[in-house]
Protein backbone atom coordinates (compact mmCIF):
# COMPACT_ATOMS: atom_id res chain seq x y z
CA MET A 1 30.15 -99.51 113.05
CA SER A 2 26.69 -97.98 112.44
CA SER A 3 25.13 -94.66 113.42
CA GLU A 4 21.72 -93.09 113.11
CA LYS A 5 22.69 -91.93 109.61
CA GLY A 6 23.90 -95.32 108.39
CA ASP A 7 27.30 -96.99 108.25
CA LEU A 8 30.31 -95.04 109.51
CA ASP A 9 33.35 -94.90 107.22
CA LEU A 10 36.38 -95.92 109.33
CA ASN A 11 39.09 -95.61 106.69
CA GLY A 12 40.50 -92.50 108.38
CA ALA A 13 40.89 -94.38 111.65
CA LYS A 14 42.51 -97.35 109.95
CA GLN A 15 45.08 -95.11 108.27
CA ASN A 16 45.80 -93.49 111.65
CA THR A 17 45.65 -90.02 110.06
CA GLY A 18 46.68 -87.27 112.45
CA VAL A 19 44.77 -83.96 112.36
CA TRP A 20 44.96 -80.66 114.21
CA LEU A 21 42.06 -79.17 116.14
CA VAL A 22 42.36 -75.37 115.92
CA LYS A 23 40.13 -72.76 117.57
CA LEU A 24 39.62 -69.68 115.38
CA PRO A 25 38.36 -66.14 116.09
CA LYS A 26 34.81 -65.66 114.79
CA TYR A 27 35.76 -62.87 112.39
CA LEU A 28 38.45 -65.04 110.83
CA ALA A 29 36.02 -67.87 110.11
CA GLN A 30 33.61 -65.33 108.57
CA GLN A 31 36.32 -63.97 106.28
CA TRP A 32 37.28 -67.48 105.20
CA ALA A 33 33.67 -68.13 104.20
CA LYS A 34 33.89 -65.20 101.77
CA ALA A 35 36.66 -66.82 99.74
CA THR A 36 35.36 -67.56 96.25
CA GLY A 37 35.48 -71.17 95.09
CA ARG A 38 38.60 -72.88 96.37
CA GLY A 39 40.58 -69.68 96.59
CA GLU A 40 43.50 -69.27 98.95
CA VAL A 41 42.51 -67.97 102.41
CA GLY A 42 46.04 -67.53 103.70
CA LYS A 43 49.36 -69.21 104.42
CA LEU A 44 50.39 -71.43 107.32
CA ARG A 45 54.00 -71.18 108.52
CA ILE A 46 55.61 -73.85 110.71
CA VAL A 47 59.22 -73.36 111.82
CA LYS A 48 61.58 -74.68 114.46
CA ASN A 49 63.08 -72.04 116.75
CA GLN A 50 65.68 -73.38 119.19
CA GLY A 51 63.98 -76.77 119.18
CA LYS A 52 60.54 -75.25 119.75
CA THR A 53 57.83 -75.43 117.11
CA GLU A 54 56.31 -72.08 116.16
CA VAL A 55 53.17 -71.92 114.01
CA SER A 56 51.51 -68.84 112.57
CA PHE A 57 48.82 -68.09 109.99
CA THR A 58 48.83 -65.10 107.63
CA LEU A 59 45.42 -64.06 106.27
CA ASN A 60 45.17 -63.41 102.56
CA GLU A 61 45.28 -59.66 101.87
CA GLU A 62 42.11 -59.83 99.77
CA LEU A 63 40.15 -61.15 102.80
CA ALA A 64 41.49 -58.62 105.29
CA SER A 65 38.81 -56.01 104.54
CA ILE A 66 35.80 -56.47 106.89
CA GLN A 67 32.59 -54.99 105.54
CA ASP A 68 30.31 -55.78 108.48
CA ILE A 69 30.74 -55.69 112.25
CA GLY A 70 28.53 -57.79 114.50
CA GLY A 71 26.30 -58.77 111.59
CA LYS A 72 25.68 -55.11 110.59
CA PRO A 73 27.19 -53.26 107.62
CA ALA A 74 30.13 -51.15 108.78
CA PRO A 75 30.03 -47.41 107.98
CA SER A 76 33.55 -47.83 106.60
CA PHE A 77 35.78 -50.80 105.88
CA VAL A 78 37.82 -52.18 108.76
CA THR A 79 41.08 -53.98 108.12
CA ALA A 80 41.40 -57.23 110.05
CA PRO A 81 44.77 -58.26 111.47
CA ARG A 82 46.60 -60.55 109.09
CA GLU A 83 49.13 -62.20 111.39
CA HIS A 84 47.82 -64.89 113.75
CA PRO A 85 50.30 -66.86 115.86
CA PHE A 86 49.19 -70.27 117.17
CA GLN A 87 49.24 -71.19 120.84
CA LEU A 88 49.87 -74.93 120.86
CA GLN A 89 48.19 -77.13 123.44
CA SER A 90 48.52 -80.80 124.28
CA VAL A 91 45.70 -83.23 123.68
CA GLY A 92 45.86 -84.08 127.38
CA GLY A 93 45.44 -87.84 127.19
CA GLN A 94 42.08 -87.49 125.45
CA THR A 95 41.07 -89.35 122.31
CA LEU A 96 39.50 -86.84 119.97
CA THR A 97 38.23 -87.71 116.51
CA VAL A 98 37.23 -85.53 113.55
CA PHE A 99 34.12 -86.54 111.60
CA THR A 100 32.90 -85.28 108.23
CA GLU A 101 29.45 -85.49 106.69
CA SER A 102 28.95 -85.84 102.94
CA VAL A 103 26.10 -84.45 100.85
CA THR A 104 24.47 -87.88 101.12
CA ASP A 105 24.48 -87.59 104.95
CA LYS A 106 27.18 -90.27 105.23
CA LEU A 107 29.54 -89.91 108.20
CA ALA A 108 33.25 -90.65 107.97
CA ILE A 109 36.19 -90.45 110.36
CA GLU A 110 38.88 -88.19 108.92
CA GLY A 111 41.48 -88.82 111.57
CA ILE A 112 42.58 -88.66 115.20
CA VAL A 113 43.40 -85.30 116.81
CA VAL A 114 47.14 -85.24 117.55
CA GLN A 115 47.51 -81.52 118.27
CA ARG A 116 45.28 -78.79 119.67
CA ALA A 117 45.91 -75.10 119.06
CA GLU A 118 44.35 -71.67 119.40
CA CYS A 119 44.73 -69.19 116.57
CA ARG A 120 45.04 -65.69 118.08
CA PRO A 121 45.43 -62.34 116.33
CA ALA A 122 48.71 -60.55 116.92
CA ALA A 123 48.39 -57.28 118.85
CA SER A 124 48.52 -54.60 116.18
CA GLU A 125 46.92 -51.32 115.16
CA HIS A 126 44.47 -53.12 112.86
CA TYR A 127 43.39 -55.46 115.67
CA MET A 128 42.82 -52.61 118.14
CA GLN A 129 40.86 -50.67 115.50
CA MET A 130 38.66 -53.69 114.80
CA LYS A 131 37.98 -54.34 118.52
CA ARG A 132 37.17 -50.66 119.07
CA ARG A 133 34.64 -50.76 116.23
CA GLN A 134 33.08 -53.96 117.62
CA ILE A 135 32.67 -52.35 121.05
CA GLU A 136 31.11 -49.23 119.51
CA GLU A 137 28.62 -51.27 117.50
CA SER A 138 27.64 -53.50 120.44
CA SER A 139 27.05 -50.46 122.68
CA LYS A 140 24.64 -48.80 120.24
CA PRO A 141 20.95 -49.15 121.20
CA LYS A 142 19.04 -51.55 118.97
CA ARG A 143 16.19 -49.06 118.62
CA GLN A 144 16.52 -45.35 118.08
CA SER A 145 13.96 -42.56 117.98
CA GLN A 146 13.97 -40.27 114.98
CA GLN A 147 12.05 -37.04 114.44
CA ILE A 148 10.24 -36.79 111.11
CA GLU A 149 9.06 -33.62 109.41
CA LYS A 150 5.88 -35.02 107.84
CA ALA A 151 3.61 -37.99 108.33
CA ILE A 152 4.49 -41.18 106.50
CA THR A 153 1.46 -42.40 104.56
CA THR A 154 2.97 -45.37 102.73
CA ASN A 155 3.52 -47.60 105.75
CA TYR A 156 1.16 -49.38 108.12
CA LYS A 157 -0.91 -47.03 110.25
CA PRO A 158 -1.77 -48.04 113.81
CA VAL A 159 -5.47 -48.14 114.67
CA SER A 160 -7.08 -47.61 118.04
CA ASN A 161 -9.15 -50.75 117.70
CA HIS A 162 -9.15 -53.59 115.18
CA GLN A 163 -12.27 -54.60 113.28
CA TYR A 164 -12.48 -58.08 114.80
CA ASN A 165 -12.36 -56.54 118.28
CA ILE A 166 -15.21 -54.18 117.34
CA GLU A 167 -17.30 -57.07 115.99
CA TYR A 168 -16.62 -59.16 119.09
CA GLU A 169 -17.63 -56.33 121.45
CA LYS A 170 -20.80 -55.69 119.42
CA LYS A 171 -21.73 -59.37 119.53
CA LYS A 172 -21.06 -59.50 123.25
CA LYS A 173 -23.19 -56.37 123.79
CA ASP A 174 -26.06 -57.74 121.68
CA ASP A 175 -26.06 -61.02 123.62
CA GLY A 176 -26.18 -59.07 126.84
CA LYS A 177 -29.30 -57.21 125.68
CA ARG A 178 -31.16 -60.43 124.94
CA ALA A 179 -33.22 -61.51 127.94
CA ARG A 180 -33.89 -65.20 128.42
CA ALA A 181 -37.44 -66.10 127.53
CA ASP A 182 -39.34 -68.97 129.07
CA LYS A 183 -38.02 -72.29 127.78
CA GLN A 184 -41.44 -73.34 126.48
CA GLN A 185 -41.73 -70.10 124.50
CA VAL A 186 -38.33 -70.72 122.93
CA LEU A 187 -39.34 -74.31 122.08
CA ASP A 188 -42.52 -73.09 120.41
CA MET A 189 -40.49 -70.64 118.28
CA LEU A 190 -38.02 -73.37 117.34
CA PHE A 191 -40.68 -75.92 116.41
CA SER A 192 -42.48 -73.28 114.36
CA ALA A 193 -39.28 -72.47 112.48
CA PHE A 194 -38.40 -76.13 111.85
CA GLU A 195 -41.87 -76.71 110.37
CA LYS A 196 -40.82 -74.38 107.55
CA HIS A 197 -37.24 -75.57 107.01
CA GLN A 198 -35.37 -78.67 108.06
CA TYR A 199 -31.92 -77.12 108.54
CA TYR A 200 -30.80 -73.89 110.24
CA ASN A 201 -27.44 -72.52 111.24
CA LEU A 202 -27.07 -71.12 114.74
CA LYS A 203 -26.97 -67.49 113.62
CA ASP A 204 -30.38 -67.76 111.95
CA LEU A 205 -31.89 -69.39 115.02
CA VAL A 206 -30.49 -66.60 117.22
CA ASP A 207 -32.11 -64.03 114.91
CA ILE A 208 -35.45 -65.88 115.02
CA THR A 209 -35.61 -66.45 118.79
CA LYS A 210 -33.69 -63.35 119.97
CA GLN A 211 -32.10 -65.49 122.68
CA PRO A 212 -28.52 -65.56 124.05
CA VAL A 213 -26.31 -68.03 122.18
CA LEU A 214 -25.40 -70.22 125.17
CA TYR A 215 -29.00 -70.44 126.37
CA LEU A 216 -30.21 -71.34 122.88
CA LYS A 217 -27.56 -74.06 122.53
CA GLU A 218 -28.73 -75.67 125.79
CA ILE A 219 -32.26 -75.97 124.44
CA LEU A 220 -31.14 -77.14 121.00
CA ARG A 221 -29.16 -80.00 122.54
CA ASP A 222 -32.41 -81.35 124.03
CA ILE A 223 -34.39 -81.39 120.79
CA GLY A 224 -31.91 -81.14 117.95
CA VAL A 225 -28.94 -82.72 116.19
CA TYR A 226 -25.89 -80.75 115.09
CA ASN A 227 -24.49 -81.85 111.71
CA VAL A 228 -20.68 -81.87 111.68
CA LYS A 229 -20.27 -83.23 108.15
CA GLY A 230 -22.09 -83.80 104.90
CA THR A 231 -24.09 -81.44 102.71
CA HIS A 232 -25.67 -79.64 105.69
CA LYS A 233 -22.49 -79.29 107.71
CA ASN A 234 -22.59 -76.85 110.68
CA THR A 235 -26.41 -76.74 110.80
CA TRP A 236 -29.02 -77.86 113.31
CA GLU A 237 -32.05 -80.07 112.64
CA LEU A 238 -34.66 -81.66 114.89
CA ARG A 239 -34.30 -85.15 116.27
CA PRO A 240 -36.39 -87.73 114.39
CA GLU A 241 -39.01 -87.89 117.17
CA TYR A 242 -39.68 -84.13 116.90
CA ARG A 243 -39.72 -83.74 113.12
CA HIS A 244 -42.92 -82.55 111.43
CA TYR A 245 -42.52 -80.49 108.27
CA GLN A 246 -45.07 -78.74 106.08
CA GLY A 247 -46.12 -80.88 103.12
CA GLU A 248 -45.08 -84.09 104.82
CA GLU A 249 -47.64 -86.90 104.69
CA LYS A 250 -48.90 -88.13 108.05
CA ASN A 251 -48.74 -91.86 108.59
CA GLU A 252 -50.68 -93.62 111.30
């Protein structure tokens, strides 16, 4: 059998290995992740009581101290409940399979789920203390106002207006002041400029003609070519039929 990540290892299915699917409290999984190396996270106890199977998990004492609540450092350590009885559940006629993924992204079937269970903390003083602390932390506002005695000069200072906004407003104001001249007058200014130099960027042509940018672009499209690459990238030059530069020899 193949998957998107290559061949699927079916040895676990062939061996008919039975596994348990257990739902854990979030805090318990977080404490397990803190176990160093392959250290012991706790002990699982399975006994028969009057023909009924009873399962419970006891958390390792070293992992019972919770240093953060809800992802935030706790003001003081909270002791997690150590005893966790299992509530066993039937598979319910479903076929559930457990997969694992190796460091080489290879998928393998570890076995078939034969038992479902939910690991629940036993009602105790430690559990109630932990839940109370979780509720207190979740009810705290994410942002708080704080009165300071003097101005903080080392951090970012807000400004009333950013420099790029100022430059944009100035450019917009300058364009508004420029009145459109007659098209022929603008053409005469452009031809006169291009007799001196072959290439101009748009900013220089705006300074020479004193015309609004959009109006100047409309005229340039009729007589000029905009270079988008090469040595003279982002500059304008005249079309071949309009070119006449100083020092250029005239040919009949």
